[in-house]
Amino acid sequence: MKQWMRPGRLALTVAGLGVAALVVKAVWFSPPPPPQVTSAAVERGDLEVSVLATGTINAFKLVSVGARATGEVKRLAVALGDKVKEGQLIAEIDALTQQNELRDAEASLRSAEALLTARRATLAQADLAAKRQRELASGDAGARADLETAEATLNTARADVESQQAIVAQARIKVDTARLNLGYAKVLAPMDGTVVAIVTEQGQTVNAAQTAPTIIKLARLDTMTIKARISEADVPRVKAGMPVHFSLLGDPDRRIEATLRAVEPGDTTLADATTATGSSTSGSSAAASAIYYNGIFDVPNPDGTLRINMTAQATIVLAQAKATLSIPVAALGAREGKSDRYKVRVVGAEGRLEDRQVRIGLNNRVRAQVLEGLKEGEKVVTAEAAPLGAGAGASGEEHHPPPGR
C-alpha cells in the first residue's frame, strides 16, 4: 500500500511544480503589452503659413462735400443712400447776397468801362491838338510853349487811359469772382458715388467764412479698402503682393479673396503721436502699448455686401502648398541640428512602433508639410502614454517641441 502511494505523491508534486512554473512564467516572463499611443494619419491637402489680422472696411474713396457759400440751405436734392453722378445737384443755398454782389460788381464794371471810353475820347482830342501844334511848329507859325503843353496833355491822356484800363480789368475780376461765388450756392457732386451721410439738413444755415461746412458725405462703394492691423512681430514677414483672404463677422463661412496692396510705413498711432503744436507728447505712451501696422488691400464690392466700418477677419498668406502631405506638429520629435529633418514614430504592422526620420517643409504650428520619409495613409504617433510605474524620463528619450519655421 505504501509503495502504491509513493508514485501518486510524485505525480502530484510534479503537477504542482508545473502549475507553479506556468504562474511564474505568466507573471515574470510574459511579453509586455503593446504601448498605448494616440496616432494620426498622414493626410494630403492644402497647407498655408499665414498671419492673422483684424481690419476695418472703408470706402475706396470718401469725400466730404461742403458748401463754399454762406446762407440757408433752401433745397437738399439728395437723400441718404442715393447714387449720384459727377456734377449732379446736391443742394442749393439762398443766394440773394451773392446775387446782389454780382449786380454791384457788374455795375462797377459798366461805370469803369464808360469812364474808359471818356478817357479814350480825351486821348484822341489831345492827340489831334498835339498834331496841330507840331504842324505849326514845323512852319515856324506856332509857339514852342504851346507845342510842349500839347505834348504834355497827350501824355497825360495816355496815362489816364492806361490807368482806367487797369481799373476796368479789376472790375471784370470782381464780376468773375461774384459770379463764381453765386455758383457756389449750388453744391454739385465732385464724383460718382453713393450718399453715405447727410450732415446738414434742409433749412439749416451754413457759414463758410472760415471753413467749408459739410453738406453730405459721398463714397465710392463699388470697391472697398480694408486696413488690417498687423502686429509688430509679424510685419517683417509681410510684403505687398501677398494673397489675402478674409471673412465678415456676420458671414464667417464666406471667404473673400484679395491681394495685399501695401503696408503702411508708420504704425497706427503715428497720426495721433504729434499734437497740434507739433510736439510728440504721446510717443512714450504709444511705446508702452502694442504696436500695429496697417496692411492695405482692395476688394470689389459689386453687390454692396461690404459696408463701411465692418470688421474683417483677415488672413495674410506668407507661403502655401497645394495637395501636399502633412502631419500634426505634435508628431514631430527631436530635430537634427538646424536642418529640416525631424524624428517621428510611426505605427507599423501589428501596432509596432518604429522611429523614422522625415524632412519637413512648411510649418504653421498646427500641421507640418512632409517632403520625405512618409506616405499618405501611414500613422504617426502624436502622444504616447507612459508605462505604469515609469517616472519622467524613464524611456531615456528627450522630445523637443518643433520650432516654428
Protein backbone atom coordinates (compact mmCIF):
# COMPACT_ATOMS: atom_id res chain seq x y z
CA MET A 1 0.00 0.00 0.00
CA LYS A 2 2.78 2.42 0.84
CA GLN A 3 4.57 1.51 -2.40
CA TRP A 4 1.44 2.38 -4.39
CA MET A 5 1.08 5.85 -2.78
CA ARG A 6 4.65 6.93 -3.45
CA PRO A 7 4.27 7.16 -7.24
CA GLY A 8 0.97 9.12 -6.76
CA ARG A 9 2.59 11.63 -4.50
CA LEU A 10 5.38 12.05 -7.01
CA ALA A 11 2.90 12.77 -9.79
CA LEU A 12 1.07 15.31 -7.69
CA THR A 13 4.34 17.01 -6.84
CA VAL A 14 5.35 17.21 -10.48
CA ALA A 15 1.96 18.61 -11.45
CA GLY A 16 2.17 21.22 -8.72
CA LEU A 17 5.64 22.24 -9.86
CA GLY A 18 4.35 22.58 -13.45
CA VAL A 19 1.49 24.80 -12.40
CA ALA A 20 3.85 26.95 -10.36
CA ALA A 21 6.20 27.24 -13.34
CA LEU A 22 3.33 28.41 -15.56
CA VAL A 23 2.29 31.02 -12.99
CA VAL A 24 5.87 32.27 -12.67
CA LYS A 25 6.21 32.46 -16.45
CA ALA A 26 2.92 34.30 -16.83
CA VAL A 27 3.84 36.80 -14.17
CA TRP A 28 7.52 37.38 -14.77
CA PHE A 29 8.34 36.30 -18.30
CA SER A 30 5.30 37.26 -20.46
CA PRO A 31 5.94 39.96 -23.13
CA PRO A 32 4.80 43.49 -22.21
CA PRO A 33 1.51 44.70 -23.70
CA PRO A 34 1.75 46.97 -26.74
CA PRO A 35 2.24 50.67 -25.83
CA GLN A 36 -0.86 52.87 -25.62
CA VAL A 37 -0.44 55.69 -28.16
CA THR A 38 -2.51 58.34 -29.91
CA SER A 39 -1.89 58.44 -33.63
CA ALA A 40 -2.88 60.49 -36.68
CA ALA A 41 -2.80 59.62 -40.36
CA VAL A 42 -0.56 61.28 -42.91
CA GLU A 43 -3.02 63.31 -44.99
CA ARG A 44 -2.89 65.08 -48.32
CA GLY A 45 -4.33 68.59 -48.63
CA ASP A 46 -3.57 72.29 -48.88
CA LEU A 47 -1.31 73.88 -46.28
CA GLU A 48 -0.54 77.53 -45.69
CA VAL A 49 1.58 79.61 -43.34
CA SER A 50 -0.23 82.83 -42.56
CA VAL A 51 -0.53 85.90 -40.38
CA LEU A 52 -3.85 86.80 -38.79
CA ALA A 53 -5.02 90.42 -38.72
CA THR A 54 -8.21 92.24 -37.87
CA GLY A 55 -9.21 95.06 -40.17
CA THR A 56 -11.85 97.69 -40.80
CA ILE A 57 -13.62 98.05 -44.13
CA ASN A 58 -13.66 101.54 -45.65
CA ALA A 59 -14.85 103.04 -48.90
CA PHE A 60 -12.22 103.16 -51.64
CA LYS A 61 -12.83 106.91 -51.80
CA LEU A 62 -14.79 109.01 -49.30
CA VAL A 63 -15.38 112.72 -49.89
CA SER A 64 -16.97 115.30 -47.61
CA VAL A 65 -18.96 117.54 -49.96
CA GLY A 66 -19.02 121.02 -48.46
CA ALA A 67 -20.55 124.42 -49.18
CA ARG A 68 -18.40 127.41 -50.07
CA ALA A 69 -21.28 129.86 -49.76
CA THR A 70 -22.87 131.26 -46.63
CA GLY A 71 -26.63 131.13 -46.23
CA GLU A 72 -29.66 128.97 -45.63
CA VAL A 73 -29.90 125.57 -47.32
CA LYS A 74 -33.03 126.18 -49.39
CA ARG A 75 -33.10 122.76 -51.03
CA LEU A 76 -31.43 119.41 -50.40
CA ALA A 77 -31.67 117.46 -53.65
CA VAL A 78 -30.48 114.04 -52.46
CA ALA A 79 -31.40 111.51 -49.79
CA LEU A 80 -29.37 109.02 -47.80
CA GLY A 81 -28.35 106.08 -49.97
CA ASP A 82 -28.92 107.86 -53.30
CA LYS A 83 -26.46 107.15 -56.10
CA VAL A 84 -25.35 110.35 -57.80
CA LYS A 85 -23.27 111.25 -60.85
CA GLU A 86 -20.43 113.74 -61.06
CA GLY A 87 -21.84 117.26 -61.50
CA GLN A 88 -25.30 116.36 -60.17
CA LEU A 89 -27.00 118.93 -57.92
CA ILE A 90 -26.63 118.15 -54.22
CA ALA A 91 -28.02 121.27 -52.54
CA GLU A 92 -28.98 124.89 -53.17
CA ILE A 93 -28.15 127.70 -50.76
CA ASP A 94 -30.03 131.01 -50.54
CA ALA A 95 -28.05 133.15 -52.99
CA LEU A 96 -29.61 136.61 -52.54
CA THR A 97 -26.41 138.06 -51.06
CA GLN A 98 -24.29 136.60 -53.85
CA GLN A 99 -26.72 137.88 -56.49
CA ASN A 100 -26.53 141.41 -55.06
CA GLU A 101 -22.74 141.23 -55.01
CA LEU A 102 -22.76 140.20 -58.67
CA ARG A 103 -25.10 143.06 -59.61
CA ASP A 104 -22.88 145.54 -57.76
CA ALA A 105 -19.76 144.21 -59.47
CA GLU A 106 -21.41 144.39 -62.90
CA ALA A 107 -22.50 148.00 -62.24
CA SER A 108 -18.97 148.95 -61.22
CA LEU A 109 -17.66 147.33 -64.40
CA ARG A 110 -20.07 149.31 -66.57
CA SER A 111 -19.06 152.55 -64.81
CA ALA A 112 -15.37 151.78 -65.30
CA GLU A 113 -15.90 150.95 -68.98
CA ALA A 114 -17.82 154.20 -69.50
CA LEU A 115 -15.03 156.20 -67.88
CA LEU A 116 -12.54 154.37 -70.09
CA THR A 117 -14.50 155.46 -73.13
CA ALA A 118 -14.31 159.06 -71.91
CA ARG A 119 -10.57 158.75 -71.29
CA ARG A 120 -10.04 157.44 -74.80
CA ALA A 121 -12.03 160.36 -76.23
CA THR A 122 -9.86 162.79 -74.26
CA LEU A 123 -6.77 160.97 -75.56
CA ALA A 124 -7.96 161.30 -79.14
CA GLN A 125 -8.60 165.06 -78.65
CA ALA A 126 -5.16 165.53 -77.09
CA ASP A 127 -3.57 163.63 -79.96
CA LEU A 128 -5.22 165.92 -82.54
CA ALA A 129 -4.13 169.03 -80.62
CA ALA A 130 -0.57 167.79 -80.46
CA LYS A 131 -0.53 167.11 -84.21
CA ARG A 132 -1.69 170.70 -84.97
CA GLN A 133 0.99 172.16 -82.75
CA ARG A 134 3.62 170.02 -84.48
CA GLU A 135 2.48 171.27 -87.90
CA LEU A 136 2.57 174.87 -86.71
CA ALA A 137 5.96 174.42 -85.13
CA SER A 138 7.36 172.88 -88.31
CA GLY A 139 6.31 176.05 -90.24
CA ASP A 140 7.53 178.40 -87.51
CA ALA A 141 3.93 179.51 -87.06
CA GLY A 142 3.39 178.31 -83.51
CA ALA A 143 4.98 178.97 -80.17
CA ARG A 144 7.30 176.38 -78.68
CA ALA A 145 5.44 176.56 -75.34
CA ASP A 146 2.14 175.65 -76.98
CA LEU A 147 3.72 172.54 -78.53
CA GLU A 148 5.17 171.44 -75.20
CA THR A 149 1.81 171.93 -73.49
CA ALA A 150 0.05 169.84 -76.15
CA GLU A 151 2.59 167.03 -75.84
CA ALA A 152 2.22 167.00 -72.04
CA THR A 153 -1.55 166.91 -72.31
CA LEU A 154 -1.29 163.97 -74.76
CA ASN A 155 0.98 162.00 -72.42
CA THR A 156 -1.36 162.65 -69.50
CA ALA A 157 -4.34 161.44 -71.54
CA ARG A 158 -2.45 158.27 -72.47
CA ALA A 159 -1.64 157.60 -68.81
CA ASP A 160 -5.25 158.17 -67.84
CA VAL A 161 -6.39 155.62 -70.44
CA GLU A 162 -3.87 153.02 -69.19
CA SER A 163 -4.94 153.62 -65.59
CA GLN A 164 -8.60 153.30 -66.49
CA GLN A 165 -7.88 150.10 -68.43
CA ALA A 166 -6.41 148.63 -65.24
CA ILE A 167 -9.50 149.70 -63.30
CA VAL A 168 -11.72 148.02 -65.89
CA ALA A 169 -9.64 144.83 -65.59
CA GLN A 170 -10.05 144.87 -61.82
CA ALA A 171 -13.80 145.40 -62.21
CA ARG A 172 -14.01 142.40 -64.56
CA ILE A 173 -12.16 140.26 -61.99
CA LYS A 174 -14.67 141.32 -59.34
CA VAL A 175 -17.51 140.36 -61.65
CA ASP A 176 -15.94 136.94 -62.27
CA THR A 177 -15.43 136.44 -58.52
CA ALA A 178 -19.03 137.45 -57.76
CA ARG A 179 -20.30 135.13 -60.50
CA LEU A 180 -18.17 132.30 -59.05
CA ASN A 181 -19.49 132.93 -55.54
CA LEU A 182 -23.01 132.83 -56.93
CA GLY A 183 -22.19 129.46 -58.48
CA TYR A 184 -21.11 128.20 -55.05
CA ALA A 185 -24.72 128.50 -53.96
CA LYS A 186 -25.31 125.33 -55.96
CA VAL A 187 -23.42 122.40 -54.42
CA LEU A 188 -22.54 119.80 -57.06
CA ALA A 189 -21.26 116.24 -56.71
CA PRO A 190 -17.47 116.10 -57.32
CA MET A 191 -17.59 112.43 -58.40
CA ASP A 192 -19.84 109.43 -58.97
CA GLY A 193 -20.79 107.79 -55.69
CA THR A 194 -23.35 106.97 -53.04
CA VAL A 195 -24.62 109.34 -50.35
CA VAL A 196 -23.48 107.65 -47.13
CA ALA A 197 -24.21 110.51 -44.69
CA ILE A 198 -26.21 113.74 -44.61
CA VAL A 199 -24.56 116.22 -42.26
CA THR A 200 -26.60 119.37 -42.98
CA GLU A 201 -30.37 119.22 -43.33
CA GLN A 202 -32.59 121.42 -45.47
CA GLY A 203 -33.39 124.68 -43.68
CA GLN A 204 -30.10 124.88 -41.77
CA THR A 205 -27.87 127.91 -42.17
CA VAL A 206 -24.25 127.31 -43.11
CA ASN A 207 -21.34 129.69 -42.62
CA ALA A 208 -18.40 129.33 -44.96
CA ALA A 209 -16.49 132.32 -43.59
CA GLN A 210 -13.75 130.19 -42.01
CA THR A 211 -14.15 126.57 -43.15
CA ALA A 212 -16.38 124.90 -45.71
CA PRO A 213 -19.27 123.25 -43.83
CA THR A 214 -20.01 119.66 -44.88
CA ILE A 215 -23.39 119.06 -46.52
CA ILE A 216 -23.12 115.32 -47.30
CA LYS A 217 -20.52 112.56 -47.42
CA LEU A 218 -20.13 110.83 -50.76
CA ALA A 219 -18.39 107.48 -51.17
CA ARG A 220 -17.43 105.06 -53.91
CA LEU A 221 -18.72 101.69 -52.75
CA ASP A 222 -18.06 99.61 -55.87
CA THR A 223 -14.59 98.94 -54.44
CA MET A 224 -13.79 98.76 -50.73
CA THR A 225 -10.46 99.21 -48.98
CA ILE A 226 -9.53 97.18 -45.90
CA LYS A 227 -6.89 98.27 -43.41
CA ALA A 228 -5.80 95.23 -41.42
CA ARG A 229 -3.77 95.67 -38.21
CA ILE A 230 -0.58 93.57 -38.38
CA SER A 231 1.41 93.10 -35.19
CA GLU A 232 4.96 94.34 -34.88
CA ALA A 233 6.22 90.74 -34.59
CA ASP A 234 4.62 89.68 -37.89
CA VAL A 235 5.08 92.75 -40.07
CA PRO A 236 8.72 91.97 -41.17
CA ARG A 237 7.42 88.84 -42.95
CA VAL A 238 4.58 90.59 -44.74
CA LYS A 239 5.14 92.02 -48.24
CA ALA A 240 2.97 93.74 -50.82
CA GLY A 241 1.55 91.34 -53.39
CA MET A 242 0.87 88.51 -50.94
CA PRO A 243 -2.53 86.79 -51.20
CA VAL A 244 -5.12 87.68 -48.57
CA HIS A 245 -8.47 86.20 -47.67
CA PHE A 246 -10.94 87.46 -45.10
CA SER A 247 -14.40 86.86 -43.71
CA LEU A 248 -17.04 89.00 -42.04
CA LEU A 249 -18.34 88.65 -38.50
CA GLY A 250 -21.85 88.31 -39.90
CA ASP A 251 -20.85 85.75 -42.55
CA PRO A 252 -17.88 83.76 -41.23
CA ASP A 253 -18.28 80.93 -43.76
CA ARG A 254 -17.81 83.18 -46.78
CA ARG A 255 -14.16 83.51 -47.83
CA ILE A 256 -13.29 86.64 -49.85
CA GLU A 257 -10.01 86.68 -51.77
CA ALA A 258 -7.78 89.73 -52.29
CA THR A 259 -4.16 90.81 -52.74
CA LEU A 260 -2.17 92.92 -50.29
CA ARG A 261 -1.58 96.32 -51.92
CA ALA A 262 0.76 97.90 -49.39
CA VAL A 263 1.92 98.01 -45.79
CA GLU A 264 1.94 101.48 -44.26
CA PRO A 265 5.46 102.55 -43.25
CA GLY A 266 4.27 104.13 -40.00
CA ASP A 267 2.41 102.41 -37.20
CA THR A 268 -1.28 103.01 -36.49
CA THR A 269 -0.53 105.50 -33.67
CA LEU A 270 1.60 107.79 -35.86
CA ALA A 271 -1.26 110.14 -36.73
CA ASP A 272 -2.03 110.64 -33.03
CA ALA A 273 1.57 110.85 -31.84
CA THR A 274 2.02 114.52 -32.75
CA THR A 275 -0.07 117.23 -31.15
CA ALA A 276 -1.33 120.38 -32.81
CA THR A 277 1.78 122.24 -31.65
CA GLY A 278 4.00 119.73 -33.42
CA SER A 279 5.45 118.18 -30.27
CA SER A 280 5.43 114.41 -29.85
CA THR A 281 3.89 114.18 -26.39
CA SER A 282 2.15 110.83 -26.64
CA GLY A 283 5.08 108.88 -28.06
CA SER A 284 6.02 107.41 -24.69
CA SER A 285 2.50 106.14 -24.04
CA ALA A 286 2.34 104.67 -27.56
CA ALA A 287 5.62 102.85 -26.98
CA ALA A 288 4.20 101.22 -23.86
CA SER A 289 1.30 99.67 -25.80
CA ALA A 290 1.26 97.08 -28.57
CA ILE A 291 2.44 98.32 -31.95
CA TYR A 292 0.48 97.55 -35.13
CA TYR A 293 0.92 98.44 -38.79
CA ASN A 294 -1.86 98.69 -41.36
CA GLY A 295 -1.81 96.29 -44.28
CA ILE A 296 -3.96 97.69 -47.09
CA PHE A 297 -5.85 95.71 -49.73
CA ASP A 298 -8.81 96.39 -52.02
CA VAL A 299 -11.73 94.16 -52.94
CA PRO A 300 -14.55 94.61 -55.48
CA ASN A 301 -18.00 95.16 -53.99
CA PRO A 302 -20.45 94.90 -56.91
CA ASP A 303 -23.36 93.65 -54.80
CA GLY A 304 -22.85 96.13 -51.95
CA THR A 305 -22.42 93.40 -49.33
CA LEU A 306 -19.40 95.11 -47.81
CA ARG A 307 -20.25 98.21 -45.80
CA ILE A 308 -18.23 100.99 -44.21
CA ASN A 309 -16.73 100.18 -40.79
CA MET A 310 -17.48 96.45 -40.98
CA THR A 311 -14.90 94.22 -39.25
CA ALA A 312 -12.86 91.88 -41.43
CA GLN A 313 -11.06 88.84 -40.01
CA ALA A 314 -8.13 88.77 -42.43
CA THR A 315 -5.51 86.11 -43.13
CA ILE A 316 -2.33 87.13 -44.99
CA VAL A 317 -0.79 84.08 -46.66
CA LEU A 318 3.01 84.07 -46.30
CA ALA A 319 3.51 80.71 -48.06
CA GLN A 320 1.30 77.86 -49.23
CA ALA A 321 1.48 74.38 -50.72
CA LYS A 322 -1.29 72.67 -52.67
CA ALA A 323 -2.17 68.97 -52.34
CA THR A 324 0.79 68.22 -50.12
CA LEU A 325 1.36 65.58 -47.40
CA SER A 326 1.18 66.85 -43.84
CA ILE A 327 1.13 65.61 -40.25
CA PRO A 328 0.21 67.25 -36.93
CA VAL A 329 3.04 69.25 -35.40
CA ALA A 330 2.58 67.18 -32.22
CA ALA A 331 4.04 64.19 -34.11
CA LEU A 332 7.42 65.86 -34.59
CA GLY A 333 10.16 64.65 -32.29
CA ALA A 334 13.77 65.73 -31.98
CA ARG A 335 15.20 67.96 -34.70
CA GLU A 336 18.51 67.09 -36.33
CA GLY A 337 20.62 70.16 -35.61
CA LYS A 338 19.43 73.14 -37.63
CA SER A 339 18.33 71.08 -40.58
CA ASP A 340 14.80 70.43 -41.80
CA ARG A 341 14.86 66.80 -40.60
CA TYR A 342 12.95 65.51 -37.58
CA LYS A 343 12.37 62.15 -35.94
CA VAL A 344 8.84 60.77 -35.82
CA ARG A 345 7.40 57.50 -34.53
CA VAL A 346 5.36 55.51 -37.00
CA VAL A 347 2.77 52.88 -36.10
CA GLY A 348 3.75 49.80 -38.12
CA ALA A 349 2.25 46.37 -38.61
CA GLU A 350 0.60 44.78 -35.58
CA GLY A 351 0.93 48.07 -33.71
CA ARG A 352 4.70 48.01 -33.54
CA LEU A 353 6.36 51.42 -33.31
CA GLU A 354 9.35 52.39 -35.40
CA ASP A 355 11.44 55.53 -35.41
CA ARG A 356 11.77 57.28 -38.75
CA GLN A 357 13.46 60.42 -40.00
CA VAL A 358 11.41 62.80 -42.13
CA ARG A 359 12.09 66.05 -43.95
CA ILE A 360 9.71 68.90 -43.09
CA GLY A 361 8.79 71.93 -45.23
CA LEU A 362 6.13 74.45 -44.23
CA ASN A 363 5.13 74.54 -40.59
CA ASN A 364 2.19 76.63 -39.43
CA ARG A 365 2.43 75.37 -35.82
CA VAL A 366 -0.63 73.19 -36.35
CA ARG A 367 0.42 70.97 -39.24
CA ALA A 368 3.77 70.41 -40.90
CA GLN A 369 4.45 69.63 -44.55
CA VAL A 370 6.16 66.27 -45.18
CA LEU A 371 8.68 66.39 -48.02
CA GLU A 372 10.32 62.99 -47.46
CA GLY A 373 10.01 59.96 -45.21
CA LEU A 374 6.27 59.24 -45.04
CA LYS A 375 3.49 58.05 -47.32
CA GLU A 376 -0.13 59.03 -47.42
CA GLY A 377 -2.21 56.97 -45.00
CA GLU A 378 0.62 55.98 -42.66
CA LYS A 379 0.03 56.73 -38.99
CA VAL A 380 2.35 58.73 -36.81
CA VAL A 381 2.34 58.93 -33.03
CA THR A 382 1.13 62.23 -31.65
CA ALA A 383 1.06 61.21 -27.97
CA GLU A 384 2.27 58.16 -26.04
CA ALA A 385 1.14 57.06 -22.57
CA ALA A 386 4.00 56.46 -20.12
CA PRO A 387 4.34 52.82 -18.82
CA LEU A 388 2.79 52.17 -15.40
CA GLY A 389 5.27 52.95 -12.66
CA ALA A 390 7.67 54.68 -15.00
CA GLY A 391 8.92 58.04 -13.90
CA ALA A 392 9.60 61.06 -16.01
CA GLY A 393 12.37 60.40 -18.48
CA ALA A 394 12.26 56.61 -17.91
CA SER A 395 12.47 55.98 -21.63
CA GLY A 396 15.76 57.83 -21.82
CA GLU A 397 14.41 59.80 -24.79
CA GLU A 398 14.09 63.55 -24.91
CA HIS A 399 11.36 65.10 -27.02
CA HIS A 400 11.69 68.64 -28.20
CA PRO A 401 8.81 70.81 -29.34
CA PRO A 402 9.31 71.67 -33.01
CA PRO A 403 10.41 75.23 -33.58
CA GLY A 404 8.32 77.38 -35.89
CA ARG A 405 9.51 77.87 -39.40
